[in-house]
Each structure stands twice: as structure tokens, then as C-alpha cells.
Amino acid sequence: AVAVIAKPKLGLRDFLNDSSAELVSAVRA
């Protein structure tokens, strides 16, 4: 695997929304 995105057990929806830029950047990389 080339990268890791962390996700919590709780508050998943808010966390993923807040991490949108990180996720998209990781995909581009």
C-alpha cells in the first residue's frame, strides 16, 4: 500500500467530510 487515511470509530461522517482535501490529494498522489 502506498498511503494511509485514518478514520475514527465514531463521528465518521464529519471526519470524512473534514478529510476531503487529504483524501483527494492522496488519490492524486
mmCIF file of all heavy atoms, coordinates in Angstrom:
data_MODEL
# 
_entry.id   MODEL 
# 
loop_
_atom_site.group_PDB 
_atom_site.id 
_atom_site.type_symbol 
_atom_site.label_atom_id 
_atom_site.label_alt_id 
_atom_site.label_comp_id 
_atom_site.label_asym_id 
_atom_site.label_entity_id 
_atom_site.label_seq_id 
_atom_site.pdbx_PDB_ins_code 
_atom_site.Cartn_x 
_atom_site.Cartn_y 
_atom_site.Cartn_z 
_atom_site.occupancy 
_atom_site.B_iso_or_equiv 
_atom_site.pdbx_formal_charge 
_atom_site.auth_seq_id 
_atom_site.auth_comp_id 
_atom_site.auth_asym_id 
_atom_site.auth_atom_id 
_atom_site.pdbx_PDB_model_num 
ATOM 1   N N   . ALA A 1 1  ? 0.841   -1.202 0.000  1.00 0.00 ? 1  ALA A N   1 
ATOM 2   C CA  . ALA A 1 1  ? 0.000   0.000  0.000  1.00 0.00 ? 1  ALA A CA  1 
ATOM 3   C C   . ALA A 1 1  ? 0.872   1.246  0.000  1.00 0.00 ? 1  ALA A C   1 
ATOM 4   O O   . ALA A 1 1  ? 1.951   1.260  0.599  1.00 0.00 ? 1  ALA A O   1 
ATOM 5   C CB  . ALA A 1 1  ? -0.925  0.001  1.214  1.00 0.00 ? 1  ALA A CB  1 
ATOM 6   N N   . VAL A 1 2  ? 0.420   2.300  -0.667 1.00 0.00 ? 2  VAL A N   1 
ATOM 7   C CA  . VAL A 1 2  ? 1.262   3.485  -0.817 1.00 0.00 ? 2  VAL A CA  1 
ATOM 8   C C   . VAL A 1 2  ? 0.935   4.607  0.162  1.00 0.00 ? 2  VAL A C   1 
ATOM 9   O O   . VAL A 1 2  ? 1.735   5.519  0.350  1.00 0.00 ? 2  VAL A O   1 
ATOM 10  C CB  . VAL A 1 2  ? 1.201   4.036  -2.260 1.00 0.00 ? 2  VAL A CB  1 
ATOM 11  C CG1 . VAL A 1 2  ? 1.718   3.001  -3.243 1.00 0.00 ? 2  VAL A CG1 1 
ATOM 12  C CG2 . VAL A 1 2  ? -0.208  4.477  -2.638 1.00 0.00 ? 2  VAL A CG2 1 
ATOM 13  N N   . ALA A 1 3  ? -0.230  4.564  0.779  1.00 0.00 ? 3  ALA A N   1 
ATOM 14  C CA  . ALA A 1 3  ? -0.614  5.639  1.703  1.00 0.00 ? 3  ALA A CA  1 
ATOM 15  C C   . ALA A 1 3  ? -1.704  5.126  2.634  1.00 0.00 ? 3  ALA A C   1 
ATOM 16  O O   . ALA A 1 3  ? -2.320  4.080  2.390  1.00 0.00 ? 3  ALA A O   1 
ATOM 17  C CB  . ALA A 1 3  ? -1.104  6.869  0.948  1.00 0.00 ? 3  ALA A CB  1 
ATOM 18  N N   . VAL A 1 4  ? -1.945  5.890  3.708  1.00 0.00 ? 4  VAL A N   1 
ATOM 19  C CA  . VAL A 1 4  ? -2.977  5.515  4.665  1.00 0.00 ? 4  VAL A CA  1 
ATOM 20  C C   . VAL A 1 4  ? -3.790  6.746  5.037  1.00 0.00 ? 4  VAL A C   1 
ATOM 21  O O   . VAL A 1 4  ? -3.242  7.826  5.266  1.00 0.00 ? 4  VAL A O   1 
ATOM 22  C CB  . VAL A 1 4  ? -2.381  4.864  5.930  1.00 0.00 ? 4  VAL A CB  1 
ATOM 23  C CG1 . VAL A 1 4  ? -1.335  5.758  6.570  1.00 0.00 ? 4  VAL A CG1 1 
ATOM 24  C CG2 . VAL A 1 4  ? -3.468  4.523  6.950  1.00 0.00 ? 4  VAL A CG2 1 
ATOM 25  N N   . ILE A 1 5  ? -5.093  6.596  5.063  1.00 0.00 ? 5  ILE A N   1 
ATOM 26  C CA  . ILE A 1 5  ? -6.023  7.619  5.544  1.00 0.00 ? 5  ILE A CA  1 
ATOM 27  C C   . ILE A 1 5  ? -6.685  7.054  6.796  1.00 0.00 ? 5  ILE A C   1 
ATOM 28  O O   . ILE A 1 5  ? -7.234  5.945  6.764  1.00 0.00 ? 5  ILE A O   1 
ATOM 29  C CB  . ILE A 1 5  ? -7.098  7.960  4.492  1.00 0.00 ? 5  ILE A CB  1 
ATOM 30  C CG1 . ILE A 1 5  ? -6.458  8.510  3.221  1.00 0.00 ? 5  ILE A CG1 1 
ATOM 31  C CG2 . ILE A 1 5  ? -8.114  8.951  5.067  1.00 0.00 ? 5  ILE A CG2 1 
ATOM 32  C CD1 . ILE A 1 5  ? -5.806  9.857  3.390  1.00 0.00 ? 5  ILE A CD1 1 
ATOM 33  N N   . ALA A 1 6  ? -6.607  7.791  7.895  1.00 0.00 ? 6  ALA A N   1 
ATOM 34  C CA  . ALA A 1 6  ? -7.181  7.308  9.145  1.00 0.00 ? 6  ALA A CA  1 
ATOM 35  C C   . ALA A 1 6  ? -8.657  7.668  9.234  1.00 0.00 ? 6  ALA A C   1 
ATOM 36  O O   . ALA A 1 6  ? -9.091  8.721  8.781  1.00 0.00 ? 6  ALA A O   1 
ATOM 37  C CB  . ALA A 1 6  ? -6.430  7.917  10.322 1.00 0.00 ? 6  ALA A CB  1 
ATOM 38  N N   . LYS A 1 7  ? -9.433  6.767  9.835  1.00 0.00 ? 7  LYS A N   1 
ATOM 39  C CA  . LYS A 1 7  ? -10.844 7.063  10.099 1.00 0.00 ? 7  LYS A CA  1 
ATOM 40  C C   . LYS A 1 7  ? -11.169 6.623  11.516 1.00 0.00 ? 7  LYS A C   1 
ATOM 41  O O   . LYS A 1 7  ? -10.708 5.569  11.966 1.00 0.00 ? 7  LYS A O   1 
ATOM 42  C CB  . LYS A 1 7  ? -11.759 6.377  9.085  1.00 0.00 ? 7  LYS A CB  1 
ATOM 43  C CG  . LYS A 1 7  ? -11.700 4.853  9.096  1.00 0.00 ? 7  LYS A CG  1 
ATOM 44  C CD  . LYS A 1 7  ? -12.630 4.248  8.056  1.00 0.00 ? 7  LYS A CD  1 
ATOM 45  C CE  . LYS A 1 7  ? -12.586 2.730  8.093  1.00 0.00 ? 7  LYS A CE  1 
ATOM 46  N NZ  . LYS A 1 7  ? -13.427 2.105  7.071  1.00 0.00 ? 7  LYS A NZ  1 
ATOM 47  N N   . PRO A 1 8  ? -11.945 7.421  12.259 1.00 0.00 ? 8  PRO A N   1 
ATOM 48  C CA  . PRO A 1 8  ? -12.284 7.062  13.636 1.00 0.00 ? 8  PRO A CA  1 
ATOM 49  C C   . PRO A 1 8  ? -13.464 6.098  13.669 1.00 0.00 ? 8  PRO A C   1 
ATOM 50  O O   . PRO A 1 8  ? -14.143 5.896  12.672 1.00 0.00 ? 8  PRO A O   1 
ATOM 51  C CB  . PRO A 1 8  ? -12.675 8.409  14.245 1.00 0.00 ? 8  PRO A CB  1 
ATOM 52  C CG  . PRO A 1 8  ? -13.297 9.135  13.090 1.00 0.00 ? 8  PRO A CG  1 
ATOM 53  C CD  . PRO A 1 8  ? -12.528 8.700  11.858 1.00 0.00 ? 8  PRO A CD  1 
ATOM 54  N N   . LYS A 1 9  ? -13.674 5.507  14.856 1.00 0.00 ? 9  LYS A N   1 
ATOM 55  C CA  . LYS A 1 9  ? -14.835 4.630  15.007 1.00 0.00 ? 9  LYS A CA  1 
ATOM 56  C C   . LYS A 1 9  ? -16.127 5.435  15.105 1.00 0.00 ? 9  LYS A C   1 
ATOM 57  O O   . LYS A 1 9  ? -17.181 5.004  14.666 1.00 0.00 ? 9  LYS A O   1 
ATOM 58  C CB  . LYS A 1 9  ? -14.677 3.767  16.266 1.00 0.00 ? 9  LYS A CB  1 
ATOM 59  C CG  . LYS A 1 9  ? -13.708 2.598  16.092 1.00 0.00 ? 9  LYS A CG  1 
ATOM 60  C CD  . LYS A 1 9  ? -13.776 1.683  17.303 1.00 0.00 ? 9  LYS A CD  1 
ATOM 61  C CE  . LYS A 1 9  ? -13.028 0.385  17.058 1.00 0.00 ? 9  LYS A CE  1 
ATOM 62  N NZ  . LYS A 1 9  ? -13.143 -0.539 18.203 1.00 0.00 ? 9  LYS A NZ  1 
ATOM 63  N N   . LEU A 1 10 ? -16.030 6.627  15.719 1.00 0.00 ? 10 LEU A N   1 
ATOM 64  C CA  . LEU A 1 10 ? -17.216 7.461  15.922 1.00 0.00 ? 10 LEU A CA  1 
ATOM 65  C C   . LEU A 1 10 ? -17.071 8.762  15.131 1.00 0.00 ? 10 LEU A C   1 
ATOM 66  O O   . LEU A 1 10 ? -15.967 9.189  14.802 1.00 0.00 ? 10 LEU A O   1 
ATOM 67  C CB  . LEU A 1 10 ? -17.384 7.773  17.412 1.00 0.00 ? 10 LEU A CB  1 
ATOM 68  C CG  . LEU A 1 10 ? -17.526 6.556  18.342 1.00 0.00 ? 10 LEU A CG  1 
ATOM 69  C CD1 . LEU A 1 10 ? -17.575 7.000  19.791 1.00 0.00 ? 10 LEU A CD1 1 
ATOM 70  C CD2 . LEU A 1 10 ? -18.779 5.753  17.986 1.00 0.00 ? 10 LEU A CD2 1 
ATOM 71  N N   . GLY A 1 11 ? -18.183 9.400  14.852 1.00 0.00 ? 11 GLY A N   1 
ATOM 72  C CA  . GLY A 1 11 ? -18.149 10.669 14.137 1.00 0.00 ? 11 GLY A CA  1 
ATOM 73  C C   . GLY A 1 11 ? -17.602 10.535 12.735 1.00 0.00 ? 11 GLY A C   1 
ATOM 74  O O   . GLY A 1 11 ? -16.915 11.415 12.226 1.00 0.00 ? 11 GLY A O   1 
ATOM 75  N N   . LEU A 1 12 ? -17.918 9.415  12.089 1.00 0.00 ? 12 LEU A N   1 
ATOM 76  C CA  . LEU A 1 12 ? -17.304 9.093  10.804 1.00 0.00 ? 12 LEU A CA  1 
ATOM 77  C C   . LEU A 1 12 ? -17.676 10.085 9.715  1.00 0.00 ? 12 LEU A C   1 
ATOM 78  O O   . LEU A 1 12 ? -16.820 10.543 8.950  1.00 0.00 ? 12 LEU A O   1 
ATOM 79  C CB  . LEU A 1 12 ? -17.727 7.677  10.397 1.00 0.00 ? 12 LEU A CB  1 
ATOM 80  C CG  . LEU A 1 12 ? -17.077 7.081  9.165  1.00 0.00 ? 12 LEU A CG  1 
ATOM 81  C CD1 . LEU A 1 12 ? -15.571 7.037  9.329  1.00 0.00 ? 12 LEU A CD1 1 
ATOM 82  C CD2 . LEU A 1 12 ? -17.622 5.678  8.907  1.00 0.00 ? 12 LEU A CD2 1 
ATOM 83  N N   . ARG A 1 13 ? -18.936 10.442 9.644  1.00 0.00 ? 13 ARG A N   1 
ATOM 84  C CA  . ARG A 1 13 ? -19.375 11.329 8.567  1.00 0.00 ? 13 ARG A CA  1 
ATOM 85  C C   . ARG A 1 13 ? -18.660 12.682 8.640  1.00 0.00 ? 13 ARG A C   1 
ATOM 86  O O   . ARG A 1 13 ? -18.130 13.165 7.635  1.00 0.00 ? 13 ARG A O   1 
ATOM 87  C CB  . ARG A 1 13 ? -20.890 11.538 8.632  1.00 0.00 ? 13 ARG A CB  1 
ATOM 88  C CG  . ARG A 1 13 ? -21.440 12.398 7.502  1.00 0.00 ? 13 ARG A CG  1 
ATOM 89  C CD  . ARG A 1 13 ? -22.955 12.547 7.630  1.00 0.00 ? 13 ARG A CD  1 
ATOM 90  N NE  . ARG A 1 13 ? -23.647 11.287 7.443  1.00 0.00 ? 13 ARG A NE  1 
ATOM 91  C CZ  . ARG A 1 13 ? -24.027 10.833 6.251  1.00 0.00 ? 13 ARG A CZ  1 
ATOM 92  N NH1 . ARG A 1 13 ? -23.758 11.535 5.158  1.00 0.00 ? 13 ARG A NH1 1 
ATOM 93  N NH2 . ARG A 1 13 ? -24.665 9.698  6.164  1.00 0.00 ? 13 ARG A NH2 1 
ATOM 94  N N   . ASP A 1 14 ? -18.623 13.301 9.831  1.00 0.00 ? 14 ASP A N   1 
ATOM 95  C CA  . ASP A 1 14 ? -17.958 14.600 9.979  1.00 0.00 ? 14 ASP A CA  1 
ATOM 96  C C   . ASP A 1 14 ? -16.463 14.480 9.697  1.00 0.00 ? 14 ASP A C   1 
ATOM 97  O O   . ASP A 1 14 ? -15.854 15.341 9.061  1.00 0.00 ? 14 ASP A O   1 
ATOM 98  C CB  . ASP A 1 14 ? -18.166 15.161 11.389 1.00 0.00 ? 14 ASP A CB  1 
ATOM 99  C CG  . ASP A 1 14 ? -19.598 15.612 11.619 1.00 0.00 ? 14 ASP A CG  1 
ATOM 100 O OD1 . ASP A 1 14 ? -20.316 15.829 10.618 1.00 0.00 ? 14 ASP A OD1 1 
ATOM 101 O OD2 . ASP A 1 14 ? -19.989 15.750 12.796 1.00 0.00 ? 14 ASP A OD2 1 
ATOM 102 N N   . PHE A 1 15 ? -15.867 13.406 10.177 1.00 0.00 ? 15 PHE A N   1 
ATOM 103 C CA  . PHE A 1 15 ? -14.430 13.214 9.978  1.00 0.00 ? 15 PHE A CA  1 
ATOM 104 C C   . PHE A 1 15 ? -14.099 13.106 8.493  1.00 0.00 ? 15 PHE A C   1 
ATOM 105 O O   . PHE A 1 15 ? -13.174 13.739 7.997  1.00 0.00 ? 15 PHE A O   1 
ATOM 106 C CB  . PHE A 1 15 ? -13.961 11.960 10.708 1.00 0.00 ? 15 PHE A CB  1 
ATOM 107 C CG  . PHE A 1 15 ? -12.487 11.689 10.540 1.00 0.00 ? 15 PHE A CG  1 
ATOM 108 C CD1 . PHE A 1 15 ? -11.564 12.293 11.380 1.00 0.00 ? 15 PHE A CD1 1 
ATOM 109 C CD2 . PHE A 1 15 ? -12.027 10.841 9.544  1.00 0.00 ? 15 PHE A CD2 1 
ATOM 110 C CE1 . PHE A 1 15 ? -10.205 12.056 11.221 1.00 0.00 ? 15 PHE A CE1 1 
ATOM 111 C CE2 . PHE A 1 15 ? -10.677 10.590 9.382  1.00 0.00 ? 15 PHE A CE2 1 
ATOM 112 C CZ  . PHE A 1 15 ? -9.763  11.202 10.225 1.00 0.00 ? 15 PHE A CZ  1 
ATOM 113 N N   . LEU A 1 16 ? -14.856 12.290 7.772  1.00 0.00 ? 16 LEU A N   1 
ATOM 114 C CA  . LEU A 1 16 ? -14.585 12.109 6.355  1.00 0.00 ? 16 LEU A CA  1 
ATOM 115 C C   . LEU A 1 16 ? -14.800 13.398 5.575  1.00 0.00 ? 16 LEU A C   1 
ATOM 116 O O   . LEU A 1 16 ? -14.045 13.718 4.661  1.00 0.00 ? 16 LEU A O   1 
ATOM 117 C CB  . LEU A 1 16 ? -15.454 10.986 5.789  1.00 0.00 ? 16 LEU A CB  1 
ATOM 118 C CG  . LEU A 1 16 ? -15.066 9.570  6.235  1.00 0.00 ? 16 LEU A CG  1 
ATOM 119 C CD1 . LEU A 1 16 ? -16.104 8.565  5.770  1.00 0.00 ? 16 LEU A CD1 1 
ATOM 120 C CD2 . LEU A 1 16 ? -13.693 9.194  5.718  1.00 0.00 ? 16 LEU A CD2 1 
ATOM 121 N N   . ASN A 1 17 ? -15.821 14.158 5.935  1.00 0.00 ? 17 ASN A N   1 
ATOM 122 C CA  . ASN A 1 17 ? -16.037 15.445 5.279  1.00 0.00 ? 17 ASN A CA  1 
ATOM 123 C C   . ASN A 1 17 ? -14.866 16.389 5.538  1.00 0.00 ? 17 ASN A C   1 
ATOM 124 O O   . ASN A 1 17 ? -14.399 17.085 4.637  1.00 0.00 ? 17 ASN A O   1 
ATOM 125 C CB  . ASN A 1 17 ? -17.350 16.077 5.754  1.00 0.00 ? 17 ASN A CB  1 
ATOM 126 C CG  . ASN A 1 17 ? -18.570 15.432 5.118  1.00 0.00 ? 17 ASN A CG  1 
ATOM 127 O OD1 . ASN A 1 17 ? -18.519 15.039 3.963  1.00 0.00 ? 17 ASN A OD1 1 
ATOM 128 N ND2 . ASN A 1 17 ? -19.654 15.322 5.864  1.00 0.00 ? 17 ASN A ND2 1 
ATOM 129 N N   . ASP A 1 18 ? -14.368 16.414 6.793  1.00 0.00 ? 18 ASP A N   1 
ATOM 130 C CA  . ASP A 1 18 ? -13.234 17.269 7.139  1.00 0.00 ? 18 ASP A CA  1 
ATOM 131 C C   . ASP A 1 18 ? -11.957 16.817 6.432  1.00 0.00 ? 18 ASP A C   1 
ATOM 132 O O   . ASP A 1 18 ? -11.046 17.611 6.205  1.00 0.00 ? 18 ASP A O   1 
ATOM 133 C CB  . ASP A 1 18 ? -13.000 17.276 8.660  1.00 0.00 ? 18 ASP A CB  1 
ATOM 134 C CG  . ASP A 1 18 ? -14.117 17.983 9.416  1.00 0.00 ? 18 ASP A CG  1 
ATOM 135 O OD1 . ASP A 1 18 ? -14.875 18.737 8.773  1.00 0.00 ? 18 ASP A OD1 1 
ATOM 136 O OD2 . ASP A 1 18 ? -14.228 17.763 10.632 1.00 0.00 ? 18 ASP A OD2 1 
ATOM 137 N N   . SER A 1 19 ? -11.864 15.534 6.104  1.00 0.00 ? 19 SER A N   1 
ATOM 138 C CA  . SER A 1 19 ? -10.655 14.970 5.499  1.00 0.00 ? 19 SER A CA  1 
ATOM 139 C C   . SER A 1 19 ? -10.727 14.908 3.982  1.00 0.00 ? 19 SER A C   1 
ATOM 140 O O   . SER A 1 19 ? -9.901  14.259 3.345  1.00 0.00 ? 19 SER A O   1 
ATOM 141 C CB  . SER A 1 19 ? -10.414 13.558 6.051  1.00 0.00 ? 19 SER A CB  1 
ATOM 142 O OG  . SER A 1 19 ? -10.269 13.581 7.448  1.00 0.00 ? 19 SER A OG  1 
ATOM 143 N N   . SER A 1 20 ? -11.690 15.592 3.400  1.00 0.00 ? 20 SER A N   1 
ATOM 144 C CA  . SER A 1 20 ? -11.878 15.521 1.957  1.00 0.00 ? 20 SER A CA  1 
ATOM 145 C C   . SER A 1 20 ? -10.623 15.910 1.186  1.00 0.00 ? 20 SER A C   1 
ATOM 146 O O   . SER A 1 20 ? -10.197 15.214 0.260  1.00 0.00 ? 20 SER A O   1 
ATOM 147 C CB  . SER A 1 20 ? -13.041 16.431 1.542  1.00 0.00 ? 20 SER A CB  1 
ATOM 148 O OG  . SER A 1 20 ? -13.160 16.486 0.141  1.00 0.00 ? 20 SER A OG  1 
ATOM 149 N N   . ALA A 1 21 ? -9.996  17.034 1.580  1.00 0.00 ? 21 ALA A N   1 
ATOM 150 C CA  . ALA A 1 21 ? -8.800  17.506 0.865  1.00 0.00 ? 21 ALA A CA  1 
ATOM 151 C C   . ALA A 1 21 ? -7.670  16.488 0.961  1.00 0.00 ? 21 ALA A C   1 
ATOM 152 O O   . ALA A 1 21 ? -6.966  16.214 -0.017 1.00 0.00 ? 21 ALA A O   1 
ATOM 153 C CB  . ALA A 1 21 ? -8.354  18.854 1.423  1.00 0.00 ? 21 ALA A CB  1 
ATOM 154 N N   . GLU A 1 22 ? -7.505  15.892 2.149  1.00 0.00 ? 22 GLU A N   1 
ATOM 155 C CA  . GLU A 1 22 ? -6.441  14.912 2.342  1.00 0.00 ? 22 GLU A CA  1 
ATOM 156 C C   . GLU A 1 22 ? -6.678  13.682 1.476  1.00 0.00 ? 22 GLU A C   1 
ATOM 157 O O   . GLU A 1 22 ? -5.745  13.158 0.847  1.00 0.00 ? 22 GLU A O   1 
ATOM 158 C CB  . GLU A 1 22 ? -6.374  14.495 3.813  1.00 0.00 ? 22 GLU A CB  1 
ATOM 159 C CG  . GLU A 1 22 ? -5.286  13.474 4.112  1.00 0.00 ? 22 GLU A CG  1 
ATOM 160 C CD  . GLU A 1 22 ? -5.329  12.957 5.543  1.00 0.00 ? 22 GLU A CD  1 
ATOM 161 O OE1 . GLU A 1 22 ? -6.244  13.348 6.291  1.00 0.00 ? 22 GLU A OE1 1 
ATOM 162 O OE2 . GLU A 1 22 ? -4.442  12.158 5.895  1.00 0.00 ? 22 GLU A OE2 1 
ATOM 163 N N   . LEU A 1 23 ? -7.904  13.212 1.425  1.00 0.00 ? 23 LEU A N   1 
ATOM 164 C CA  . LEU A 1 23 ? -8.223  12.027 0.646  1.00 0.00 ? 23 LEU A CA  1 
ATOM 165 C C   . LEU A 1 23 ? -7.996  12.271 -0.843 1.00 0.00 ? 23 LEU A C   1 
ATOM 166 O O   . LEU A 1 23 ? -7.373  11.455 -1.536 1.00 0.00 ? 23 LEU A O   1 
ATOM 167 C CB  . LEU A 1 23 ? -9.667  11.611 0.900  1.00 0.00 ? 23 LEU A CB  1 
ATOM 168 C CG  . LEU A 1 23 ? -10.181 10.435 0.063  1.00 0.00 ? 23 LEU A CG  1 
ATOM 169 C CD1 . LEU A 1 23 ? -9.387  9.179  0.358  1.00 0.00 ? 23 LEU A CD1 1 
ATOM 170 C CD2 . LEU A 1 23 ? -11.666 10.205 0.331  1.00 0.00 ? 23 LEU A CD2 1 
ATOM 171 N N   . VAL A 1 24 ? -8.502  13.387 -1.339 1.00 0.00 ? 24 VAL A N   1 
ATOM 172 C CA  . VAL A 1 24 ? -8.350  13.685 -2.770 1.00 0.00 ? 24 VAL A CA  1 
ATOM 173 C C   . VAL A 1 24 ? -6.878  13.860 -3.125 1.00 0.00 ? 24 VAL A C   1 
ATOM 174 O O   . VAL A 1 24 ? -6.408  13.376 -4.160 1.00 0.00 ? 24 VAL A O   1 
ATOM 175 C CB  . VAL A 1 24 ? -9.177  14.929 -3.150 1.00 0.00 ? 24 VAL A CB  1 
ATOM 176 C CG1 . VAL A 1 24 ? -8.875  15.366 -4.579 1.00 0.00 ? 24 VAL A CG1 1 
ATOM 177 C CG2 . VAL A 1 24 ? -10.663 14.641 -2.995 1.00 0.00 ? 24 VAL A CG2 1 
ATOM 178 N N   . SER A 1 25 ? -6.122  14.530 -2.260 1.00 0.00 ? 25 SER A N   1 
ATOM 179 C CA  . SER A 1 25 ? -4.685  14.694 -2.501 1.00 0.00 ? 25 SER A CA  1 
ATOM 180 C C   . SER A 1 25 ? -3.976  13.342 -2.530 1.00 0.00 ? 25 SER A C   1 
ATOM 181 O O   . SER A 1 25 ? -3.083  13.107 -3.345 1.00 0.00 ? 25 SER A O   1 
ATOM 182 C CB  . SER A 1 25 ? -4.055  15.591 -1.432 1.00 0.00 ? 25 SER A CB  1 
ATOM 183 O OG  . SER A 1 25 ? -4.540  16.904 -1.522 1.00 0.00 ? 25 SER A OG  1 
ATOM 184 N N   . ALA A 1 26 ? -4.378  12.440 -1.623 1.00 0.00 ? 26 ALA A N   1 
ATOM 185 C CA  . ALA A 1 26 ? -3.769  11.105 -1.579 1.00 0.00 ? 26 ALA A CA  1 
ATOM 186 C C   . ALA A 1 26 ? -4.061  10.338 -2.861 1.00 0.00 ? 26 ALA A C   1 
ATOM 187 O O   . ALA A 1 26 ? -3.188  9.631  -3.384 1.00 0.00 ? 26 ALA A O   1 
ATOM 188 C CB  . ALA A 1 26 ? -4.282  10.341 -0.363 1.00 0.00 ? 26 ALA A CB  1 
ATOM 189 N N   . VAL A 1 27 ? -5.270  10.465 -3.384 1.00 0.00 ? 27 VAL A N   1 
ATOM 190 C CA  . VAL A 1 27 ? -5.626  9.788  -4.634 1.00 0.00 ? 27 VAL A CA  1 
ATOM 191 C C   . VAL A 1 27 ? -4.810  10.347 -5.791 1.00 0.00 ? 27 VAL A C   1 
ATOM 192 O O   . VAL A 1 27 ? -4.281  9.597  -6.629 1.00 0.00 ? 27 VAL A O   1 
ATOM 193 C CB  . VAL A 1 27 ? -7.139  9.918  -4.906 1.00 0.00 ? 27 VAL A CB  1 
ATOM 194 C CG1 . VAL A 1 27 ? -7.469  9.487  -6.338 1.00 0.00 ? 27 VAL A CG1 1 
ATOM 195 C CG2 . VAL A 1 27 ? -7.933  9.086  -3.917 1.00 0.00 ? 27 VAL A CG2 1 
ATOM 196 N N   . ARG A 1 28 ? -4.662  11.666 -5.832 1.00 0.00 ? 28 ARG A N   1 
ATOM 197 C CA  . ARG A 1 28 ? -3.869  12.279 -6.906 1.00 0.00 ? 28 ARG A CA  1 
ATOM 198 C C   . ARG A 1 28 ? -2.416  11.818 -6.820 1.00 0.00 ? 28 ARG A C   1 
ATOM 199 O O   . ARG A 1 28 ? -1.778  11.547 -7.842 1.00 0.00 ? 28 ARG A O   1 
ATOM 200 C CB  . ARG A 1 28 ? -3.936  13.801 -6.813 1.00 0.00 ? 28 ARG A CB  1 
ATOM 201 C CG  . ARG A 1 28 ? -5.320  14.390 -7.073 1.00 0.00 ? 28 ARG A CG  1 
ATOM 202 C CD  . ARG A 1 28 ? -5.245  15.914 -7.151 1.00 0.00 ? 28 ARG A CD  1 
ATOM 203 N NE  . ARG A 1 28 ? -6.550  16.535 -7.073 1.00 0.00 ? 28 ARG A NE  1 
ATOM 204 C CZ  . ARG A 1 28 ? -7.428  16.592 -8.073 1.00 0.00 ? 28 ARG A CZ  1 
ATOM 205 N NH1 . ARG A 1 28 ? -7.123  16.046 -9.227 1.00 0.00 ? 28 ARG A NH1 1 
ATOM 206 N NH2 . ARG A 1 28 ? -8.596  17.183 -7.903 1.00 0.00 ? 28 ARG A NH2 1 
ATOM 207 N N   . ALA A 1 29 ? -1.887  11.746 -5.593 1.00 0.00 ? 29 ALA A N   1 
ATOM 208 C CA  . ALA A 1 29 ? -0.508  11.286 -5.409 1.00 0.00 ? 29 ALA A CA  1 
ATOM 209 C C   . ALA A 1 29 ? -0.370  9.831  -5.838 1.00 0.00 ? 29 ALA A C   1 
ATOM 210 O O   . ALA A 1 29 ? 0.592   9.460  -6.527 1.00 0.00 ? 29 ALA A O   1 
ATOM 211 C CB  . ALA A 1 29 ? -0.087  11.451 -3.955 1.00 0.00 ? 29 ALA A CB  1 
# 
